């Protein structure tokens, strides 16, 4: 990724920020999950903590 260009292995972050997680998860939420819910379908979501935290933050 351009963001990390020029950094050495030990300088790379070991986790994804909440902001980055939200930016990655919300398009899927809006494009896939929301239409299913609006169509009256039951949806189960399996995700890790930050993804779920980001979705909940979006819903609040």
C-alpha atoms as a PDB file:
ATOM      1  CA  UNK A   1       0.000   0.000   0.000  1.00  0.00           C
ATOM      2  CA  UNK A   2       1.176   3.530  -0.708  1.00  0.00           C
ATOM      3  CA  UNK A   3       0.512   4.437   2.902  1.00  0.00           C
ATOM      4  CA  UNK A   4       3.307   2.168   4.090  1.00  0.00           C
ATOM      5  CA  UNK A   5       5.711   2.567   1.181  1.00  0.00           C
ATOM      6  CA  UNK A   6       9.253   2.965   2.418  1.00  0.00           C
ATOM      7  CA  UNK A   7       8.611   1.557   5.896  1.00  0.00           C
ATOM      8  CA  UNK A   8      10.572  -1.407   7.159  1.00  0.00           C
ATOM      9  CA  UNK A   9       8.871  -4.520   8.521  1.00  0.00           C
ATOM     10  CA  UNK A  10       9.251  -3.497  12.154  1.00  0.00           C
ATOM     11  CA  UNK A  11       7.712  -0.092  11.456  1.00  0.00           C
ATOM     12  CA  UNK A  12       4.463  -1.448  10.008  1.00  0.00           C
ATOM     13  CA  UNK A  13       1.363  -1.320  12.221  1.00  0.00           C
ATOM     14  CA  UNK A  14       0.310  -4.700  13.588  1.00  0.00           C
ATOM     15  CA  UNK A  15      -3.398  -3.914  13.625  1.00  0.00           C
ATOM     16  CA  UNK A  16      -6.026  -1.999  11.679  1.00  0.00           C
ATOM     17  CA  UNK A  17      -7.419   1.222  13.153  1.00  0.00           C
ATOM     18  CA  UNK A  18     -11.145   1.542  13.831  1.00  0.00           C
ATOM     19  CA  UNK A  19     -11.312   4.241  11.149  1.00  0.00           C
ATOM     20  CA  UNK A  20      -9.725   1.904   8.577  1.00  0.00           C
ATOM     21  CA  UNK A  21     -11.992  -0.961   9.634  1.00  0.00           C
ATOM     22  CA  UNK A  22     -15.103   1.196   9.241  1.00  0.00           C
ATOM     23  CA  UNK A  23     -13.952   2.363   5.812  1.00  0.00           C
ATOM     24  CA  UNK A  24     -13.580  -1.285   4.780  1.00  0.00           C
ATOM     25  CA  UNK A  25     -16.735  -2.695   6.428  1.00  0.00           C
ATOM     26  CA  UNK A  26     -19.371  -0.036   5.722  1.00  0.00           C
ATOM     27  CA  UNK A  27     -19.458  -0.416   1.931  1.00  0.00           C
ATOM     28  CA  UNK A  28     -20.226  -4.125   2.397  1.00  0.00           C
ATOM     29  CA  UNK A  29     -22.800  -3.273   5.055  1.00  0.00           C
ATOM     30  CA  UNK A  30     -24.552  -0.750   2.815  1.00  0.00           C
ATOM     31  CA  UNK A  31     -24.319  -2.692  -0.453  1.00  0.00           C
ATOM     32  CA  UNK A  32     -25.009  -6.237   0.769  1.00  0.00           C
ATOM     33  CA  UNK A  33     -26.447  -6.393   4.284  1.00  0.00           C
ATOM     34  CA  UNK A  34     -28.859  -3.429   4.242  1.00  0.00           C
ATOM     35  CA  UNK A  35     -30.680  -4.552   1.060  1.00  0.00           C
ATOM     36  CA  UNK A  36     -31.140  -8.029   2.565  1.00  0.00           C
ATOM     37  CA  UNK A  37     -32.609  -6.560   5.755  1.00  0.00           C
ATOM     38  CA  UNK A  38     -34.888  -4.242   3.762  1.00  0.00           C
ATOM     39  CA  UNK A  39     -36.065  -7.275   1.774  1.00  0.00           C
ATOM     40  CA  UNK A  40     -37.236  -8.800   5.055  1.00  0.00           C
ATOM     41  CA  UNK A  41     -34.537 -11.447   5.225  1.00  0.00           C
ATOM     42  CA  UNK A  42     -32.849 -12.570   8.414  1.00  0.00           C
ATOM     43  CA  UNK A  43     -29.134 -11.831   8.406  1.00  0.00           C
ATOM     44  CA  UNK A  44     -26.461 -13.232  10.677  1.00  0.00           C
ATOM     45  CA  UNK A  45     -23.146 -11.428  10.886  1.00  0.00           C
ATOM     46  CA  UNK A  46     -19.917 -13.097  11.956  1.00  0.00           C
ATOM     47  CA  UNK A  47     -17.060 -10.645  12.355  1.00  0.00           C
ATOM     48  CA  UNK A  48     -14.202  -9.660  14.632  1.00  0.00           C
ATOM     49  CA  UNK A  49     -14.472  -7.025  17.347  1.00  0.00           C
ATOM     50  CA  UNK A  50     -13.407  -3.936  15.420  1.00  0.00           C
ATOM     51  CA  UNK A  51     -15.704  -4.692  12.478  1.00  0.00           C
ATOM     52  CA  UNK A  52     -18.653  -5.118  14.816  1.00  0.00           C
ATOM     53  CA  UNK A  53     -17.651  -2.032  16.782  1.00  0.00           C
ATOM     54  CA  UNK A  54     -17.567  -0.010  13.563  1.00  0.00           C
ATOM     55  CA  UNK A  55     -20.991  -1.217  12.447  1.00  0.00           C
ATOM     56  CA  UNK A  56     -22.500  -0.453  15.856  1.00  0.00           C
ATOM     57  CA  UNK A  57     -20.904   3.001  15.810  1.00  0.00           C
ATOM     58  CA  UNK A  58     -22.429   3.580  12.359  1.00  0.00           C
ATOM     59  CA  UNK A  59     -25.873   2.490  13.588  1.00  0.00           C
ATOM     60  CA  UNK A  60     -25.759   4.731  16.656  1.00  0.00           C
END
